[in-house]
Amino acid sequence: MGRTELYFVALIPPVELRNEIRTLKERMRSDYGAGHALRSPAHITLQMPFKRDAGDESALAAALGKFALGENPFAVELDGFGCFSPRVIFIRIREHEAVRSLHGRLKKLLKDELGFLPAEIMNDLQPHITIATRDLTKEAFRDAWPEFQHEEFRGSFEARSLFLLKHNGKSWDILREFPFGEK
């Protein structure tokens, strides 16, 4: 066995929208002391973090690349804020059926082709983009949520790729992008 690495699979908006969302995450850090969400680029998680031997990286990438080619681009609409009380504030995804449907096909690939165990696979997907998470205290959440609850946030992007991210010991880096096949 080689070195074990930590990965996750996500949809990632284009850089302009990522920067806009990063500004919100920086506001969470400066106003509420919650900077954990800054450790990864803005994303919609499709498969929660999982451990794999570094030697399996190329097989993982090959399978994800082949899978992505079978997918079609689709629109993702961002609309306002939501929360998972008492610690998480996120940007809502409107009409997330396309994301959920992609997730369903990805789960099958992980189980059938990559040998993921049922416990490793994210079963319940609630598509969102986190702006504050585990280091947001309950007290700070109580202050922040009323502020964000009615705040406007709109954005949209075309999901054209799947992304594999890898943890570098401190934060998450985009390791590979796997473009969808064209319609």
N, C-alpha and C. Protein backbone atom coordinates (compact mmCIF):
# COMPACT_ATOMS: atom_id res chain seq x y z
N MET A 1 0.83 -1.20 0.00
CA MET A 1 0.00 0.00 0.00
C MET A 1 0.87 1.25 0.00
N GLY A 2 0.49 2.20 -0.84
CA GLY A 2 1.22 3.47 -0.89
C GLY A 2 0.60 4.47 0.05
N ARG A 3 0.84 5.72 -0.28
CA ARG A 3 0.31 6.82 0.51
C ARG A 3 -1.19 6.95 0.30
N THR A 4 -1.93 7.21 1.36
CA THR A 4 -3.37 7.43 1.25
C THR A 4 -3.63 8.91 1.05
N GLU A 5 -4.46 9.22 0.07
CA GLU A 5 -4.81 10.61 -0.22
C GLU A 5 -6.31 10.82 0.00
N LEU A 6 -6.70 12.07 0.15
CA LEU A 6 -8.09 12.43 0.36
C LEU A 6 -8.59 13.20 -0.87
N TYR A 7 -9.74 12.75 -1.40
CA TYR A 7 -10.31 13.34 -2.61
C TYR A 7 -11.79 13.64 -2.41
N PHE A 8 -12.36 14.48 -3.29
CA PHE A 8 -13.81 14.53 -3.43
C PHE A 8 -14.16 14.96 -4.84
N VAL A 9 -15.41 14.73 -5.24
CA VAL A 9 -15.88 15.02 -6.60
C VAL A 9 -16.95 16.11 -6.52
N ALA A 10 -16.85 17.09 -7.42
CA ALA A 10 -17.77 18.23 -7.34
C ALA A 10 -18.01 18.88 -8.70
N LEU A 11 -19.01 19.74 -8.71
CA LEU A 11 -19.22 20.68 -9.81
C LEU A 11 -18.64 22.00 -9.31
N ILE A 12 -17.93 22.71 -10.18
CA ILE A 12 -17.30 23.97 -9.77
C ILE A 12 -17.70 25.07 -10.77
N PRO A 13 -18.20 26.19 -10.24
CA PRO A 13 -18.58 27.28 -11.15
C PRO A 13 -17.35 27.93 -11.78
N PRO A 14 -17.56 28.68 -12.87
CA PRO A 14 -16.43 29.38 -13.50
C PRO A 14 -15.82 30.41 -12.55
N VAL A 15 -14.61 30.83 -12.88
CA VAL A 15 -13.79 31.63 -11.97
C VAL A 15 -14.45 32.94 -11.52
N GLU A 16 -15.19 33.64 -12.39
CA GLU A 16 -15.81 34.92 -11.98
C GLU A 16 -16.80 34.66 -10.84
N LEU A 17 -17.62 33.64 -11.01
CA LEU A 17 -18.61 33.31 -9.98
C LEU A 17 -17.92 32.78 -8.72
N ARG A 18 -16.87 32.00 -8.90
CA ARG A 18 -16.08 31.50 -7.75
C ARG A 18 -15.55 32.67 -6.94
N ASN A 19 -15.06 33.72 -7.61
CA ASN A 19 -14.51 34.88 -6.93
C ASN A 19 -15.59 35.64 -6.16
N GLU A 20 -16.78 35.74 -6.76
CA GLU A 20 -17.91 36.40 -6.11
C GLU A 20 -18.28 35.65 -4.82
N ILE A 21 -18.27 34.31 -4.90
CA ILE A 21 -18.61 33.47 -3.74
C ILE A 21 -17.49 33.53 -2.70
N ARG A 22 -16.24 33.62 -3.17
CA ARG A 22 -15.10 33.73 -2.25
C ARG A 22 -15.24 34.99 -1.38
N THR A 23 -15.74 36.08 -2.00
CA THR A 23 -15.96 37.33 -1.26
C THR A 23 -16.95 37.11 -0.12
N LEU A 24 -17.99 36.32 -0.37
CA LEU A 24 -18.96 35.99 0.70
C LEU A 24 -18.29 35.17 1.80
N LYS A 25 -17.45 34.22 1.39
CA LYS A 25 -16.74 33.39 2.39
C LYS A 25 -15.80 34.26 3.23
N GLU A 26 -15.15 35.24 2.57
CA GLU A 26 -14.24 36.14 3.30
C GLU A 26 -15.02 37.01 4.27
N ARG A 27 -16.24 37.40 3.88
CA ARG A 27 -17.11 38.17 4.77
C ARG A 27 -17.48 37.32 6.00
N MET A 28 -17.76 36.03 5.79
CA MET A 28 -18.07 35.13 6.91
C MET A 28 -16.88 35.05 7.87
N ARG A 29 -15.67 35.03 7.29
CA ARG A 29 -14.47 34.96 8.14
C ARG A 29 -14.27 36.26 8.91
N SER A 30 -14.38 37.41 8.22
CA SER A 30 -14.11 38.68 8.92
C SER A 30 -15.23 39.06 9.88
N ASP A 31 -16.49 38.82 9.50
CA ASP A 31 -17.61 39.23 10.36
C ASP A 31 -17.96 38.21 11.45
N TYR A 32 -17.74 36.92 11.17
CA TYR A 32 -18.22 35.87 12.08
C TYR A 32 -17.15 34.87 12.49
N GLY A 33 -15.90 35.10 12.07
CA GLY A 33 -14.81 34.22 12.47
C GLY A 33 -14.87 32.82 11.88
N ALA A 34 -15.60 32.65 10.78
CA ALA A 34 -15.75 31.33 10.17
C ALA A 34 -15.04 31.29 8.81
N GLY A 35 -13.81 30.79 8.80
CA GLY A 35 -13.02 30.78 7.57
C GLY A 35 -12.81 29.41 6.95
N HIS A 36 -13.36 28.37 7.59
CA HIS A 36 -13.13 27.00 7.10
C HIS A 36 -13.53 26.82 5.64
N ALA A 37 -14.64 27.45 5.22
CA ALA A 37 -15.14 27.29 3.85
C ALA A 37 -14.16 27.84 2.81
N LEU A 38 -13.21 28.67 3.25
CA LEU A 38 -12.20 29.21 2.33
C LEU A 38 -11.17 28.17 1.93
N ARG A 39 -11.19 27.02 2.58
CA ARG A 39 -10.20 25.98 2.28
C ARG A 39 -10.50 25.21 1.00
N SER A 40 -11.64 25.51 0.36
CA SER A 40 -11.94 24.85 -0.91
C SER A 40 -12.57 25.88 -1.84
N PRO A 41 -12.41 25.69 -3.15
CA PRO A 41 -13.08 26.61 -4.08
C PRO A 41 -14.60 26.40 -3.98
N ALA A 42 -15.37 27.41 -4.37
CA ALA A 42 -16.83 27.28 -4.38
C ALA A 42 -17.17 26.04 -5.19
N HIS A 43 -18.06 25.19 -4.65
CA HIS A 43 -18.38 23.93 -5.34
C HIS A 43 -19.71 23.37 -4.87
N ILE A 44 -20.23 22.46 -5.68
CA ILE A 44 -21.39 21.65 -5.30
C ILE A 44 -20.86 20.23 -5.16
N THR A 45 -20.87 19.70 -3.95
CA THR A 45 -20.32 18.36 -3.71
C THR A 45 -21.20 17.31 -4.38
N LEU A 46 -20.57 16.40 -5.13
CA LEU A 46 -21.27 15.25 -5.70
C LEU A 46 -20.88 13.96 -4.98
N GLN A 47 -19.66 13.94 -4.46
CA GLN A 47 -19.20 12.81 -3.66
C GLN A 47 -18.32 13.35 -2.56
N MET A 48 -18.77 13.11 -1.31
CA MET A 48 -18.05 13.59 -0.13
C MET A 48 -16.61 13.06 -0.11
N PRO A 49 -15.74 13.69 0.67
CA PRO A 49 -14.35 13.25 0.73
C PRO A 49 -14.21 11.76 1.02
N PHE A 50 -13.26 11.15 0.29
CA PHE A 50 -12.99 9.72 0.44
C PHE A 50 -11.49 9.51 0.32
N LYS A 51 -11.01 8.42 0.96
CA LYS A 51 -9.58 8.10 0.95
C LYS A 51 -9.31 7.05 -0.11
N ARG A 52 -8.21 7.24 -0.82
CA ARG A 52 -7.75 6.25 -1.79
C ARG A 52 -6.24 6.23 -1.79
N ASP A 53 -5.69 5.09 -2.14
CA ASP A 53 -4.25 4.96 -2.30
C ASP A 53 -3.83 5.87 -3.46
N ALA A 54 -2.73 6.59 -3.30
CA ALA A 54 -2.25 7.51 -4.34
C ALA A 54 -2.04 6.76 -5.67
N GLY A 55 -1.72 5.47 -5.58
CA GLY A 55 -1.52 4.66 -6.78
C GLY A 55 -2.80 4.42 -7.57
N ASP A 56 -3.95 4.64 -6.93
CA ASP A 56 -5.23 4.44 -7.61
C ASP A 56 -5.71 5.70 -8.33
N GLU A 57 -4.94 6.79 -8.20
CA GLU A 57 -5.37 8.07 -8.75
C GLU A 57 -5.62 8.03 -10.26
N SER A 58 -4.74 7.38 -11.00
CA SER A 58 -4.92 7.37 -12.46
C SER A 58 -6.15 6.56 -12.87
N ALA A 59 -6.42 5.45 -12.18
CA ALA A 59 -7.62 4.65 -12.48
C ALA A 59 -8.89 5.44 -12.13
N LEU A 60 -8.84 6.16 -11.02
CA LEU A 60 -9.95 7.00 -10.60
C LEU A 60 -10.21 8.08 -11.66
N ALA A 61 -9.14 8.74 -12.08
CA ALA A 61 -9.25 9.81 -13.09
C ALA A 61 -9.77 9.25 -14.42
N ALA A 62 -9.28 8.09 -14.82
CA ALA A 62 -9.72 7.49 -16.09
C ALA A 62 -11.22 7.19 -16.06
N ALA A 63 -11.68 6.62 -14.95
CA ALA A 63 -13.10 6.27 -14.82
C ALA A 63 -13.97 7.53 -14.80
N LEU A 64 -13.55 8.56 -14.08
CA LEU A 64 -14.31 9.80 -14.02
C LEU A 64 -14.32 10.51 -15.38
N GLY A 65 -13.19 10.46 -16.07
CA GLY A 65 -13.10 11.08 -17.39
C GLY A 65 -14.04 10.44 -18.38
N LYS A 66 -14.06 9.12 -18.38
CA LYS A 66 -14.93 8.36 -19.29
C LYS A 66 -16.41 8.63 -18.93
N PHE A 67 -16.70 8.63 -17.64
CA PHE A 67 -18.06 8.91 -17.16
C PHE A 67 -18.53 10.29 -17.62
N ALA A 68 -17.67 11.31 -17.43
CA ALA A 68 -18.03 12.69 -17.76
C ALA A 68 -18.37 12.84 -19.24
N LEU A 69 -17.66 12.12 -20.09
CA LEU A 69 -17.91 12.22 -21.54
C LEU A 69 -19.32 11.78 -21.91
N GLY A 70 -19.94 10.96 -21.06
CA GLY A 70 -21.29 10.51 -21.31
C GLY A 70 -22.37 11.48 -20.81
N GLU A 71 -21.93 12.57 -20.18
CA GLU A 71 -22.87 13.53 -19.60
C GLU A 71 -23.03 14.75 -20.51
N ASN A 72 -24.18 15.43 -20.39
CA ASN A 72 -24.42 16.65 -21.14
C ASN A 72 -24.34 17.87 -20.22
N PRO A 73 -23.85 19.01 -20.75
CA PRO A 73 -23.86 20.23 -19.96
C PRO A 73 -25.28 20.61 -19.55
N PHE A 74 -25.42 21.27 -18.40
CA PHE A 74 -26.73 21.73 -17.94
C PHE A 74 -26.58 23.01 -17.13
N ALA A 75 -27.67 23.77 -17.05
CA ALA A 75 -27.64 25.05 -16.34
C ALA A 75 -27.82 24.84 -14.84
N VAL A 76 -27.09 25.63 -14.06
CA VAL A 76 -27.22 25.63 -12.60
C VAL A 76 -27.57 27.06 -12.20
N GLU A 77 -28.70 27.22 -11.49
CA GLU A 77 -29.17 28.53 -11.04
C GLU A 77 -28.97 28.67 -9.54
N LEU A 78 -28.30 29.73 -9.14
CA LEU A 78 -28.08 30.01 -7.73
C LEU A 78 -29.09 31.07 -7.29
N ASP A 79 -29.73 30.85 -6.15
CA ASP A 79 -30.82 31.73 -5.76
C ASP A 79 -30.93 31.88 -4.25
N GLY A 80 -30.31 32.92 -3.71
CA GLY A 80 -30.45 33.21 -2.28
C GLY A 80 -29.66 32.27 -1.38
N PHE A 81 -29.98 32.32 -0.09
CA PHE A 81 -29.23 31.55 0.90
C PHE A 81 -30.12 30.59 1.66
N GLY A 82 -29.53 29.54 2.15
CA GLY A 82 -30.21 28.57 2.98
C GLY A 82 -29.28 28.19 4.12
N CYS A 83 -29.76 27.33 5.02
CA CYS A 83 -28.89 26.92 6.13
C CYS A 83 -29.22 25.50 6.58
N PHE A 84 -28.22 24.88 7.18
CA PHE A 84 -28.41 23.64 7.93
C PHE A 84 -28.08 24.09 9.36
N SER A 85 -29.10 24.39 10.14
CA SER A 85 -28.90 24.89 11.49
C SER A 85 -28.21 23.80 12.32
N PRO A 86 -27.30 24.14 13.21
CA PRO A 86 -26.91 25.46 13.70
C PRO A 86 -25.53 25.91 13.23
N ARG A 87 -25.00 25.39 12.11
CA ARG A 87 -23.61 25.71 11.78
C ARG A 87 -23.31 26.04 10.33
N VAL A 88 -24.23 25.77 9.42
CA VAL A 88 -23.89 25.90 8.00
C VAL A 88 -24.79 26.91 7.29
N ILE A 89 -24.17 27.81 6.53
CA ILE A 89 -24.92 28.74 5.68
C ILE A 89 -24.43 28.51 4.26
N PHE A 90 -25.37 28.46 3.32
CA PHE A 90 -24.99 28.12 1.94
C PHE A 90 -25.82 28.91 0.94
N ILE A 91 -25.37 28.85 -0.32
CA ILE A 91 -26.11 29.42 -1.44
C ILE A 91 -27.00 28.32 -1.98
N ARG A 92 -28.28 28.64 -2.15
CA ARG A 92 -29.25 27.65 -2.64
C ARG A 92 -29.12 27.43 -4.14
N ILE A 93 -29.39 26.20 -4.54
CA ILE A 93 -29.44 25.84 -5.96
C ILE A 93 -30.92 25.68 -6.30
N ARG A 94 -31.38 26.42 -7.29
CA ARG A 94 -32.78 26.32 -7.68
C ARG A 94 -32.94 25.18 -8.67
N GLU A 95 -34.04 24.45 -8.58
CA GLU A 95 -34.35 23.34 -9.50
C GLU A 95 -33.11 22.46 -9.72
N HIS A 96 -32.79 21.70 -8.69
CA HIS A 96 -31.54 20.93 -8.75
C HIS A 96 -31.70 19.51 -9.26
N GLU A 97 -32.76 19.23 -10.02
CA GLU A 97 -32.98 17.88 -10.52
C GLU A 97 -31.82 17.37 -11.38
N ALA A 98 -31.26 18.24 -12.23
CA ALA A 98 -30.14 17.83 -13.09
C ALA A 98 -28.92 17.42 -12.25
N VAL A 99 -28.69 18.15 -11.16
CA VAL A 99 -27.55 17.83 -10.28
C VAL A 99 -27.81 16.49 -9.58
N ARG A 100 -29.04 16.30 -9.10
CA ARG A 100 -29.39 15.06 -8.40
C ARG A 100 -29.31 13.85 -9.34
N SER A 101 -29.73 14.07 -10.55
CA SER A 101 -29.72 12.99 -11.53
C SER A 101 -28.27 12.60 -11.89
N LEU A 102 -27.40 13.59 -12.06
CA LEU A 102 -25.97 13.34 -12.30
C LEU A 102 -25.39 12.56 -11.11
N HIS A 103 -25.74 12.98 -9.90
CA HIS A 103 -25.26 12.32 -8.69
C HIS A 103 -25.67 10.85 -8.66
N GLY A 104 -26.90 10.56 -9.08
CA GLY A 104 -27.38 9.18 -9.11
C GLY A 104 -26.53 8.31 -10.04
N ARG A 105 -26.19 8.85 -11.20
CA ARG A 105 -25.35 8.09 -12.15
C ARG A 105 -23.93 7.95 -11.64
N LEU A 106 -23.42 8.99 -10.97
CA LEU A 106 -22.07 8.94 -10.41
C LEU A 106 -21.98 7.87 -9.31
N LYS A 107 -23.01 7.78 -8.46
CA LYS A 107 -23.02 6.77 -7.39
C LYS A 107 -22.86 5.36 -7.96
N LYS A 108 -23.57 5.11 -9.06
CA LYS A 108 -23.51 3.79 -9.70
C LYS A 108 -22.08 3.51 -10.18
N LEU A 109 -21.44 4.50 -10.79
CA LEU A 109 -20.06 4.35 -11.26
C LEU A 109 -19.12 4.05 -10.08
N LEU A 110 -19.26 4.81 -9.00
CA LEU A 110 -18.38 4.62 -7.84
C LEU A 110 -18.51 3.21 -7.28
N LYS A 111 -19.76 2.74 -7.19
CA LYS A 111 -20.01 1.42 -6.62
C LYS A 111 -19.58 0.31 -7.59
N ASP A 112 -20.09 0.38 -8.83
CA ASP A 112 -19.89 -0.72 -9.78
C ASP A 112 -18.50 -0.77 -10.39
N GLU A 113 -17.91 0.40 -10.70
CA GLU A 113 -16.63 0.38 -11.41
C GLU A 113 -15.43 0.69 -10.54
N LEU A 114 -15.64 1.44 -9.46
CA LEU A 114 -14.49 1.84 -8.64
C LEU A 114 -14.47 1.16 -7.27
N GLY A 115 -15.44 0.26 -7.04
CA GLY A 115 -15.41 -0.54 -5.82
C GLY A 115 -15.59 0.22 -4.53
N PHE A 116 -16.30 1.36 -4.58
CA PHE A 116 -16.58 2.10 -3.35
C PHE A 116 -17.52 1.26 -2.49
N LEU A 117 -17.30 1.31 -1.18
CA LEU A 117 -18.19 0.63 -0.24
C LEU A 117 -19.42 1.51 -0.03
N PRO A 118 -20.57 0.91 0.27
CA PRO A 118 -21.79 1.71 0.49
C PRO A 118 -21.58 2.86 1.49
N ALA A 119 -20.79 2.63 2.54
CA ALA A 119 -20.56 3.66 3.56
C ALA A 119 -19.75 4.85 3.03
N GLU A 120 -19.00 4.63 1.94
CA GLU A 120 -18.18 5.71 1.38
C GLU A 120 -18.99 6.61 0.44
N ILE A 121 -20.10 6.10 -0.05
CA ILE A 121 -20.87 6.82 -1.06
C ILE A 121 -21.89 7.75 -0.42
N MET A 122 -21.90 8.97 -0.90
CA MET A 122 -22.85 9.97 -0.42
C MET A 122 -24.22 9.64 -0.98
N ASN A 123 -25.13 9.18 -0.13
CA ASN A 123 -26.44 8.78 -0.63
C ASN A 123 -27.40 9.92 -0.81
N ASP A 124 -27.45 10.80 0.18
CA ASP A 124 -28.44 11.87 0.15
C ASP A 124 -27.78 13.16 -0.30
N LEU A 125 -28.19 13.65 -1.45
CA LEU A 125 -27.59 14.87 -1.98
C LEU A 125 -28.57 16.03 -1.83
N GLN A 126 -28.11 17.10 -1.18
CA GLN A 126 -28.88 18.34 -1.11
C GLN A 126 -27.99 19.40 -1.73
N PRO A 127 -28.10 19.59 -3.05
CA PRO A 127 -27.15 20.48 -3.75
C PRO A 127 -27.13 21.90 -3.18
N HIS A 128 -25.94 22.41 -2.89
CA HIS A 128 -25.75 23.75 -2.35
C HIS A 128 -24.28 24.13 -2.47
N ILE A 129 -23.98 25.41 -2.26
CA ILE A 129 -22.60 25.89 -2.22
C ILE A 129 -22.38 26.52 -0.84
N THR A 130 -21.56 25.88 -0.03
CA THR A 130 -21.33 26.32 1.36
C THR A 130 -20.52 27.61 1.41
N ILE A 131 -20.95 28.55 2.26
CA ILE A 131 -20.13 29.75 2.50
C ILE A 131 -19.64 29.82 3.95
N ALA A 132 -20.27 29.04 4.84
CA ALA A 132 -19.78 28.94 6.23
C ALA A 132 -20.14 27.56 6.74
N THR A 133 -19.18 26.92 7.40
CA THR A 133 -19.41 25.55 7.86
C THR A 133 -18.85 25.35 9.26
N ARG A 134 -18.29 24.19 9.51
CA ARG A 134 -18.03 23.70 10.87
C ARG A 134 -17.40 24.67 11.87
N ASP A 135 -16.66 25.69 11.40
CA ASP A 135 -16.07 26.60 12.40
C ASP A 135 -16.98 27.81 12.69
N LEU A 136 -18.19 27.82 12.13
CA LEU A 136 -19.16 28.87 12.47
C LEU A 136 -19.79 28.45 13.81
N THR A 137 -19.56 29.24 14.85
CA THR A 137 -20.12 28.85 16.15
C THR A 137 -21.64 29.02 16.12
N LYS A 138 -22.30 28.35 17.06
CA LYS A 138 -23.76 28.47 17.14
C LYS A 138 -24.17 29.92 17.40
N GLU A 139 -23.38 30.61 18.20
CA GLU A 139 -23.67 32.02 18.51
C GLU A 139 -23.53 32.86 17.24
N ALA A 140 -22.43 32.66 16.50
CA ALA A 140 -22.21 33.42 15.27
C ALA A 140 -23.29 33.09 14.24
N PHE A 141 -23.71 31.83 14.20
CA PHE A 141 -24.79 31.43 13.28
C PHE A 141 -26.05 32.24 13.60
N ARG A 142 -26.36 32.35 14.90
CA ARG A 142 -27.57 33.10 15.30
C ARG A 142 -27.50 34.57 14.87
N ASP A 143 -26.29 35.12 14.80
CA ASP A 143 -26.12 36.51 14.32
C ASP A 143 -26.13 36.57 12.79
N ALA A 144 -25.47 35.63 12.16
CA ALA A 144 -25.28 35.67 10.70
C ALA A 144 -26.54 35.30 9.92
N TRP A 145 -27.25 34.27 10.37
CA TRP A 145 -28.37 33.77 9.58
C TRP A 145 -29.44 34.84 9.30
N PRO A 146 -29.87 35.63 10.32
CA PRO A 146 -30.86 36.67 10.02
C PRO A 146 -30.37 37.66 8.96
N GLU A 147 -29.07 37.90 8.92
CA GLU A 147 -28.49 38.81 7.94
C GLU A 147 -28.55 38.23 6.52
N PHE A 148 -28.25 36.94 6.41
CA PHE A 148 -28.20 36.30 5.09
C PHE A 148 -29.57 35.80 4.62
N GLN A 149 -30.43 35.49 5.56
CA GLN A 149 -31.72 34.87 5.26
C GLN A 149 -32.50 35.60 4.16
N HIS A 150 -32.50 36.92 4.19
CA HIS A 150 -33.30 37.69 3.23
C HIS A 150 -32.43 38.40 2.20
N GLU A 151 -31.12 38.15 2.26
CA GLU A 151 -30.22 38.80 1.32
C GLU A 151 -30.37 38.18 -0.07
N GLU A 152 -30.23 39.03 -1.08
CA GLU A 152 -30.33 38.55 -2.47
C GLU A 152 -28.99 37.96 -2.89
N PHE A 153 -29.03 36.86 -3.56
CA PHE A 153 -27.85 36.38 -4.28
C PHE A 153 -28.35 35.63 -5.48
N ARG A 154 -27.91 36.05 -6.64
CA ARG A 154 -28.31 35.39 -7.88
C ARG A 154 -27.06 35.11 -8.71
N GLY A 155 -27.07 33.98 -9.35
CA GLY A 155 -25.99 33.66 -10.26
C GLY A 155 -26.39 32.42 -11.03
N SER A 156 -25.70 32.17 -12.10
CA SER A 156 -25.96 30.93 -12.85
C SER A 156 -24.71 30.57 -13.63
N PHE A 157 -24.60 29.31 -13.93
CA PHE A 157 -23.49 28.86 -14.77
C PHE A 157 -23.89 27.58 -15.46
N GLU A 158 -23.18 27.26 -16.52
CA GLU A 158 -23.44 26.00 -17.18
C GLU A 158 -22.42 24.99 -16.64
N ALA A 159 -22.93 23.91 -16.06
CA ALA A 159 -22.05 22.83 -15.59
C ALA A 159 -21.61 22.10 -16.85
N ARG A 160 -20.31 22.16 -17.13
CA ARG A 160 -19.76 21.56 -18.35
C ARG A 160 -18.70 20.50 -18.03
N SER A 161 -18.42 20.30 -16.73
CA SER A 161 -17.35 19.39 -16.32
C SER A 161 -17.61 18.88 -14.91
N LEU A 162 -16.95 17.78 -14.64
CA LEU A 162 -16.89 17.20 -13.31
C LEU A 162 -15.47 17.51 -12.81
N PHE A 163 -15.29 17.72 -11.52
CA PHE A 163 -13.96 18.02 -11.00
C PHE A 163 -13.58 17.03 -9.90
N LEU A 164 -12.31 16.64 -9.91
CA LEU A 164 -11.75 15.83 -8.83
C LEU A 164 -10.84 16.75 -8.04
N LEU A 165 -11.11 16.87 -6.74
CA LEU A 165 -10.29 17.71 -5.86
C LEU A 165 -9.49 16.81 -4.93
N LYS A 166 -8.33 17.32 -4.53
CA LYS A 166 -7.42 16.55 -3.67
C LYS A 166 -6.95 17.45 -2.54
N HIS A 167 -6.90 16.88 -1.34
CA HIS A 167 -6.47 17.63 -0.17
C HIS A 167 -4.95 17.68 -0.12
N ASN A 168 -4.40 18.89 0.14
CA ASN A 168 -2.94 19.03 0.18
C ASN A 168 -2.40 19.07 1.61
N GLY A 169 -3.25 18.74 2.58
CA GLY A 169 -2.82 18.78 3.98
C GLY A 169 -3.39 19.98 4.70
N LYS A 170 -3.70 21.06 3.95
CA LYS A 170 -4.28 22.26 4.54
C LYS A 170 -5.60 22.64 3.87
N SER A 171 -5.64 22.48 2.55
CA SER A 171 -6.83 22.89 1.81
C SER A 171 -7.02 21.99 0.59
N TRP A 172 -8.09 22.27 -0.16
CA TRP A 172 -8.42 21.45 -1.33
C TRP A 172 -7.96 22.12 -2.62
N ASP A 173 -7.30 21.36 -3.47
CA ASP A 173 -6.88 21.83 -4.78
C ASP A 173 -7.68 21.11 -5.86
N ILE A 174 -7.93 21.81 -6.96
CA ILE A 174 -8.55 21.15 -8.11
C ILE A 174 -7.45 20.31 -8.75
N LEU A 175 -7.64 19.00 -8.75
CA LEU A 175 -6.64 18.10 -9.30
C LEU A 175 -6.87 17.91 -10.80
N ARG A 176 -8.11 17.60 -11.19
CA ARG A 176 -8.43 17.35 -12.60
C ARG A 176 -9.83 17.84 -12.91
N GLU A 177 -9.99 18.28 -14.16
CA GLU A 177 -11.31 18.64 -14.68
C GLU A 177 -11.64 17.64 -15.77
N PHE A 178 -12.88 17.12 -15.74
CA PHE A 178 -13.31 16.14 -16.74
C PHE A 178 -14.50 16.71 -17.50
N PRO A 179 -14.26 17.18 -18.74
CA PRO A 179 -15.33 17.82 -19.51
C PRO A 179 -16.44 16.84 -19.89
N PHE A 180 -17.66 17.36 -19.87
CA PHE A 180 -18.81 16.57 -20.33
C PHE A 180 -18.74 16.47 -21.84
N GLY A 181 -19.39 15.43 -22.39
CA GLY A 181 -19.52 15.33 -23.83
C GLY A 181 -20.48 16.43 -24.28
N GLU A 182 -20.37 16.87 -25.51
CA GLU A 182 -21.28 17.92 -25.98
C GLU A 182 -22.57 17.32 -26.47
N LYS A 183 -23.65 18.13 -26.38
CA LYS A 183 -24.97 17.67 -26.79
C LYS A 183 -24.96 17.32 -28.27
